[in-house]
């Protein structure tokens, strides 16, 4: 899969963060042992025009990823070849004995929903597509002040108030950690903040998932995709965001904060400053990813529907 990413980075639409080879590789290493990985490629002549990374178990094939760790999935296809790709994909995996393709969580604007589902229905295949959750994203303007104007008057006031309260509490700083040894040094802080910030996050972060997060951070850093945003007060880390920077978009994958500083809203301040940092770098989108947390709407996130989708092939 890495070879296709390197050789077809521009001709194929690698739009889905969670289908990039580093992410797929780490997920499969930690959670995909029961699935036999297959890479289905569709060609137009000698040119690759589409890829589906799936794991097969019995007569079922799954797009590689899980909803708790991969917010949404998709296939990787060259523009203009979507319908032909799905026609050939369905035929090919059916020949290999697959009776059901489980696409998992897919966005309303994904290739699976826009092209795969219509092709399947035209072929008389049974499609199960259920609205499951929502992801949130924001188109970023050019400046911080223009971003603040995207918010409602109340939320703009709250953002400024919380930033002021935090900076008035001491020497405040936001810094990016993105490389090698620096990433290693900050991962224990992130894991601790993640667990301590909410009880449900503490339950979520098992030892297996901790290994996944740390392995993922290293892999993303190696490919220059990682942004660990660290919020400090008087030189001490008090909150962090685990983000991925890819193709002009910052993806907020997860976050955490020191609960001893809860009254200063360090989690929200850290997220705001990560948006400000993305603006300084010229990014054009900020993706809050899946989940219905209130802050996503308050910080300008626009809802995008996510569907649980599967296709009965025979």
Protein backbone atom coordinates (compact mmCIF):
# COMPACT_ATOMS: atom_id res chain seq x y z
CA UNK A 1 0.00 0.00 0.00
CA UNK A 2 2.93 2.34 0.71
CA UNK A 3 4.14 1.92 -2.87
CA UNK A 4 0.78 3.02 -4.26
CA UNK A 5 0.73 5.99 -1.89
CA UNK A 6 4.19 7.06 -3.01
CA UNK A 7 3.63 6.50 -6.73
CA UNK A 8 -0.01 7.65 -6.99
CA UNK A 9 -0.20 10.38 -4.36
CA UNK A 10 -1.66 12.86 -6.85
CA UNK A 11 -3.62 10.70 -9.28
CA UNK A 12 -5.61 8.87 -6.58
CA UNK A 13 -7.78 10.74 -4.07
CA UNK A 14 -6.17 9.91 -0.72
CA UNK A 15 -8.78 12.03 1.05
CA UNK A 16 -9.50 9.77 4.01
CA UNK A 17 -6.93 10.17 6.78
CA UNK A 18 -7.79 6.79 8.25
CA UNK A 19 -7.00 4.94 5.01
CA UNK A 20 -3.47 6.31 4.70
CA UNK A 21 -0.90 3.48 4.85
CA UNK A 22 0.69 4.52 8.18
CA UNK A 23 -2.69 4.52 9.90
CA UNK A 24 -3.88 1.25 8.32
CA UNK A 25 -0.59 -0.45 9.14
CA UNK A 26 -0.65 0.51 12.83
CA UNK A 27 -4.33 -0.36 13.24
CA UNK A 28 -3.91 -3.78 11.64
CA UNK A 29 -0.83 -4.50 13.75
CA UNK A 30 -2.74 -3.90 16.99
CA UNK A 31 -6.33 -4.85 16.18
CA UNK A 32 -6.52 -6.71 12.87
CA UNK A 33 -5.01 -10.08 13.72
CA UNK A 34 -8.29 -11.91 12.99
CA UNK A 35 -8.50 -10.43 9.49
CA UNK A 36 -6.50 -11.49 6.45
CA UNK A 37 -5.51 -8.26 4.67
CA UNK A 38 -6.18 -7.87 0.95
CA UNK A 39 -5.50 -4.93 -1.32
CA UNK A 40 -7.94 -4.84 -4.24
CA UNK A 41 -6.65 -2.63 -7.06
CA UNK A 42 -8.55 -1.60 -10.19
CA UNK A 43 -6.57 -0.63 -13.29
CA UNK A 44 -7.35 1.36 -16.41
CA UNK A 45 -4.74 -0.03 -18.75
CA UNK A 46 -1.54 0.10 -16.71
CA UNK A 47 -2.76 2.89 -14.44
CA UNK A 48 -4.15 2.23 -10.97
CA UNK A 49 -7.49 4.04 -10.64
CA UNK A 50 -8.77 2.63 -7.35
CA UNK A 51 -7.80 0.76 -4.18
CA UNK A 52 -9.81 -0.96 -1.47
CA UNK A 53 -7.87 -2.04 1.63
CA UNK A 54 -9.93 -4.80 3.23
CA UNK A 55 -9.57 -7.54 5.77
CA UNK A 56 -11.29 -10.86 5.05
CA UNK A 57 -12.75 -13.20 7.63
CA UNK A 58 -14.73 -16.13 6.26
CA UNK A 59 -17.16 -14.80 3.64
CA UNK A 60 -17.05 -11.22 4.91
CA UNK A 61 -14.70 -8.42 3.88
CA UNK A 62 -14.20 -5.28 5.99
CA UNK A 63 -12.63 -1.97 5.11
CA UNK A 64 -9.63 -1.96 7.44
CA UNK A 65 -10.34 0.03 10.59
CA UNK A 66 -12.65 0.12 13.60
CA UNK A 67 -15.15 2.83 14.58
CA UNK A 68 -13.60 3.47 17.99
CA UNK A 69 -10.19 4.30 16.51
CA UNK A 70 -10.87 5.20 12.87
CA UNK A 71 -13.60 7.83 12.68
CA UNK A 72 -14.60 7.07 9.09
CA UNK A 73 -13.37 4.92 6.21
CA UNK A 74 -13.52 4.94 2.41
CA UNK A 75 -11.99 3.59 -0.80
CA UNK A 76 -9.19 5.40 -2.63
CA UNK A 77 -10.20 6.24 -6.20
CA UNK A 78 -9.09 8.49 -9.05
CA UNK A 79 -11.63 11.17 -9.95
CA UNK A 80 -13.93 10.10 -12.77
CA UNK A 81 -13.42 6.36 -12.22
CA UNK A 82 -15.67 5.85 -9.18
CA UNK A 83 -18.53 3.93 -10.79
CA UNK A 84 -16.26 1.64 -12.79
CA UNK A 85 -14.18 1.01 -9.69
CA UNK A 86 -17.13 -0.21 -7.62
CA UNK A 87 -18.54 -2.32 -10.46
CA UNK A 88 -15.21 -4.13 -10.81
CA UNK A 89 -14.59 -4.29 -7.05
CA UNK A 90 -17.94 -5.98 -6.35
CA UNK A 91 -17.33 -8.49 -9.15
CA UNK A 92 -13.76 -9.24 -8.06
CA UNK A 93 -14.39 -9.80 -4.36
CA UNK A 94 -17.50 -11.89 -5.15
CA UNK A 95 -15.30 -14.17 -7.29
CA UNK A 96 -13.07 -14.60 -4.23
CA UNK A 97 -15.97 -15.95 -2.18
CA UNK A 98 -16.92 -12.78 -0.32
CA UNK A 99 -20.67 -12.54 0.32
CA UNK A 100 -20.75 -9.30 2.32
CA UNK A 101 -18.69 -6.11 2.17
CA UNK A 102 -18.75 -4.21 5.46
CA UNK A 103 -17.74 -0.62 4.76
CA UNK A 104 -18.05 0.42 8.40
CA UNK A 105 -18.43 4.11 9.16
CA UNK A 106 -18.46 6.28 6.03
CA UNK A 107 -19.17 10.00 5.62
CA UNK A 108 -22.09 11.26 3.56
CA UNK A 109 -19.58 12.69 1.06
CA UNK A 110 -17.48 9.51 0.83
CA UNK A 111 -16.96 7.58 -2.40
CA UNK A 112 -18.74 4.61 -0.81
CA UNK A 113 -21.94 6.60 -0.17
CA UNK A 114 -21.86 8.75 -3.33
CA UNK A 115 -20.93 6.01 -5.81
CA UNK A 116 -20.64 2.56 -4.21
CA UNK A 117 -24.15 2.48 -2.74
CA UNK A 118 -25.89 3.62 -5.99
CA UNK A 119 -23.90 1.07 -8.03
CA UNK A 120 -24.83 -1.69 -5.59
CA UNK A 121 -28.52 -0.79 -5.72
CA UNK A 122 -28.51 -0.64 -9.51
CA UNK A 123 -27.09 -4.18 -9.50
CA UNK A 124 -29.94 -5.30 -7.25
CA UNK A 125 -27.69 -5.85 -4.24
CA UNK A 126 -29.01 -5.36 -0.73
CA UNK A 127 -27.57 -2.27 0.94
CA UNK A 128 -27.82 -1.53 4.65
CA UNK A 129 -27.02 2.12 5.32
CA UNK A 130 -27.98 3.61 8.67
CA UNK A 131 -27.22 7.09 9.98
CA UNK A 132 -24.97 6.31 12.92
CA UNK A 133 -23.19 9.45 14.09
CA UNK A 134 -21.90 12.88 13.10
CA UNK A 135 -18.50 14.34 12.40
CA UNK A 136 -17.74 18.06 12.46
CA UNK A 137 -15.44 20.17 10.29
CA UNK A 138 -14.77 23.86 9.72
CA UNK A 139 -13.52 25.77 6.68
CA UNK A 140 -10.83 28.10 7.98
CA UNK A 141 -10.59 31.72 6.84
CA UNK A 142 -7.24 33.47 6.46
CA UNK A 143 -6.94 35.14 9.88
CA UNK A 144 -7.68 34.52 13.56
CA UNK A 145 -10.04 37.47 13.77
CA UNK A 146 -11.93 36.22 10.71
CA UNK A 147 -12.19 32.81 12.36
CA UNK A 148 -13.66 34.34 15.52
CA UNK A 149 -16.28 36.07 13.37
CA UNK A 150 -17.46 32.62 12.22
CA UNK A 151 -18.64 31.94 15.76
CA UNK A 152 -21.86 33.20 17.27
CA UNK A 153 -21.58 36.34 19.36
CA UNK A 154 -21.95 34.34 22.56
CA UNK A 155 -19.34 31.76 21.62
CA UNK A 156 -16.93 34.42 20.37
CA UNK A 157 -17.26 36.17 23.74
CA UNK A 158 -16.70 32.88 25.57
CA UNK A 159 -13.63 32.03 23.50
CA UNK A 160 -12.03 35.40 24.20
CA UNK A 161 -12.99 35.27 27.88
CA UNK A 162 -11.47 31.82 28.42
CA UNK A 163 -8.29 32.70 26.54
CA UNK A 164 -7.92 35.85 28.64
CA UNK A 165 -8.60 34.00 31.91
CA UNK A 166 -6.00 31.36 31.09
CA UNK A 167 -3.29 33.80 30.00
CA UNK A 168 -3.95 35.95 33.07
CA UNK A 169 -3.22 32.96 35.34
CA UNK A 170 0.50 32.98 34.58
CA UNK A 171 3.01 32.58 31.78
CA UNK A 172 1.02 30.76 29.08
CA UNK A 173 2.38 29.14 25.93
CA UNK A 174 1.25 26.77 23.17
CA UNK A 175 3.93 24.77 21.37
CA UNK A 176 4.03 22.09 18.72
CA UNK A 177 5.77 18.75 19.27
CA UNK A 178 6.20 16.86 16.01
CA UNK A 179 9.54 15.05 15.86
CA UNK A 180 11.36 12.05 17.29
CA UNK A 181 12.64 12.34 20.85
CA UNK A 182 10.34 15.28 21.66
CA UNK A 183 7.30 13.18 20.75
CA UNK A 184 8.52 10.33 22.95
CA UNK A 185 8.98 12.68 25.89
CA UNK A 186 5.43 14.05 25.63
CA UNK A 187 3.49 10.82 25.03
CA UNK A 188 3.29 9.93 28.76
CA UNK A 189 1.78 13.37 29.44
CA UNK A 190 -0.80 12.86 26.71
CA UNK A 191 -1.82 9.41 27.95
CA UNK A 192 -2.12 10.69 31.53
CA UNK A 193 -4.11 13.79 30.54
CA UNK A 194 -6.37 11.68 28.32
CA UNK A 195 -7.20 9.28 31.15
CA UNK A 196 -7.60 11.94 33.83
CA UNK A 197 -9.75 14.40 31.88
CA UNK A 198 -12.90 12.21 31.74
CA UNK A 199 -14.01 8.92 33.27
CA UNK A 200 -15.20 7.53 29.92
CA UNK A 201 -11.80 8.29 28.41
CA UNK A 202 -10.10 6.47 31.28
CA UNK A 203 -12.25 3.41 30.57
CA UNK A 204 -11.51 3.68 26.84
CA UNK A 205 -7.72 3.88 27.19
CA UNK A 206 -6.86 0.24 27.87
CA UNK A 207 -3.24 -0.90 27.80
CA UNK A 208 -3.79 -2.20 24.25
CA UNK A 209 -5.10 1.18 23.10
CA UNK A 210 -2.27 2.97 24.86
CA UNK A 211 0.18 0.89 22.81
CA UNK A 212 -1.79 1.74 19.67
CA UNK A 213 -1.76 5.49 20.38
CA UNK A 214 1.98 5.53 21.07
CA UNK A 215 2.78 3.41 18.03
CA UNK A 216 0.52 5.60 15.88
CA UNK A 217 2.20 8.79 17.12
CA UNK A 218 5.63 7.45 16.21
CA UNK A 219 4.48 6.30 12.77
CA UNK A 220 2.72 9.57 11.99
CA UNK A 221 5.74 11.56 13.18
CA UNK A 222 7.97 9.51 10.89
CA UNK A 223 5.80 10.59 7.96
CA UNK A 224 5.60 14.20 9.21
CA UNK A 225 1.85 13.94 9.81
CA UNK A 226 1.78 14.35 13.59
CA UNK A 227 1.02 17.52 15.53
CA UNK A 228 1.04 17.23 19.30
CA UNK A 229 -0.12 20.59 20.61
CA UNK A 230 1.05 21.28 24.16
CA UNK A 231 -0.49 24.00 26.33
CA UNK A 232 1.78 25.11 29.16
CA UNK A 233 1.26 27.32 32.18
CA UNK A 234 4.39 28.60 33.93
CA UNK A 235 6.42 26.04 31.98
CA UNK A 236 4.25 23.08 33.01
CA UNK A 237 2.14 21.08 30.50
CA UNK A 238 -1.54 21.29 31.45
CA UNK A 239 -3.33 20.15 28.25
CA UNK A 240 -2.58 18.48 24.94
CA UNK A 241 -4.16 17.81 21.57
CA UNK A 242 -3.22 14.84 19.39
CA UNK A 243 -3.69 16.08 15.82
CA UNK A 244 -2.81 14.96 12.32
CA UNK A 245 -1.81 17.51 9.68
CA UNK A 246 -2.53 16.34 6.15
CA UNK A 247 -3.12 18.14 2.86
CA UNK A 248 -3.98 21.50 4.41
CA UNK A 249 -6.29 20.07 7.08
CA UNK A 250 -5.67 19.68 10.79
CA UNK A 251 -7.54 16.69 12.23
CA UNK A 252 -8.23 16.81 15.97
CA UNK A 253 -7.93 13.12 16.80
CA UNK A 254 -8.00 13.36 20.59
CA UNK A 255 -7.16 15.49 23.58
CA UNK A 256 -6.73 15.62 27.33
CA UNK A 257 -5.92 17.97 30.18
CA UNK A 258 -4.75 18.08 33.80
CA UNK A 259 -7.94 18.18 35.91
CA UNK A 260 -6.16 20.25 38.58
CA UNK A 261 -6.52 23.19 36.15
CA UNK A 262 -10.13 22.52 35.19
CA UNK A 263 -11.28 25.98 36.34
CA UNK A 264 -9.07 27.54 33.64
CA UNK A 265 -10.67 25.47 30.81
CA UNK A 266 -7.27 24.22 29.57
CA UNK A 267 -8.82 21.66 27.22
CA UNK A 268 -10.83 24.24 25.31
CA UNK A 269 -8.00 26.80 25.34
CA UNK A 270 -5.63 24.18 23.91
CA UNK A 271 -8.08 23.42 21.09
CA UNK A 272 -8.54 27.13 20.32
CA UNK A 273 -4.79 27.65 20.14
CA UNK A 274 -4.40 24.60 17.91
CA UNK A 275 -6.86 26.27 15.51
CA UNK A 276 -4.88 29.52 15.74
CA UNK A 277 -1.68 27.59 14.99
CA UNK A 278 -3.33 25.92 11.97
CA UNK A 279 -4.33 29.35 10.65
CA UNK A 280 -0.75 30.60 10.99
CA UNK A 281 0.41 27.64 8.90
CA UNK A 282 -2.09 28.46 6.15
CA UNK A 283 -4.34 25.44 6.66
CA UNK A 284 -7.76 25.70 5.04
CA UNK A 285 -9.74 23.14 7.08
CA UNK A 286 -9.99 22.05 10.70
CA UNK A 287 -11.65 18.66 11.21
CA UNK A 288 -13.00 18.00 14.72
CA UNK A 289 -13.78 14.40 13.70
CA UNK A 290 -16.56 12.17 14.95
CA UNK A 291 -18.47 12.73 18.18
CA UNK A 292 -21.27 14.94 19.44
CA UNK A 293 -19.31 16.99 22.00
CA UNK A 294 -20.86 20.46 22.33
CA UNK A 295 -17.56 22.32 21.92
CA UNK A 296 -17.33 21.25 18.26
CA UNK A 297 -20.37 23.31 17.29
CA UNK A 298 -19.28 26.13 19.57
CA UNK A 299 -15.91 26.31 17.81
CA UNK A 300 -17.46 26.54 14.35
CA UNK A 301 -17.80 22.87 13.40
CA UNK A 302 -20.38 22.07 10.69
CA UNK A 303 -22.06 18.65 11.05
CA UNK A 304 -21.47 15.93 8.45
CA UNK A 305 -23.49 12.71 8.66
CA UNK A 306 -21.70 9.39 9.14
CA UNK A 307 -23.40 6.14 8.09
CA UNK A 308 -22.87 2.53 9.07
CA UNK A 309 -22.87 0.78 5.70
CA UNK A 310 -22.67 -2.78 4.40
CA UNK A 311 -23.44 -4.43 1.04
CA UNK A 312 -24.74 -7.99 0.51
CA UNK A 313 -22.98 -9.23 -2.61
CA UNK A 314 -24.90 -12.50 -3.04
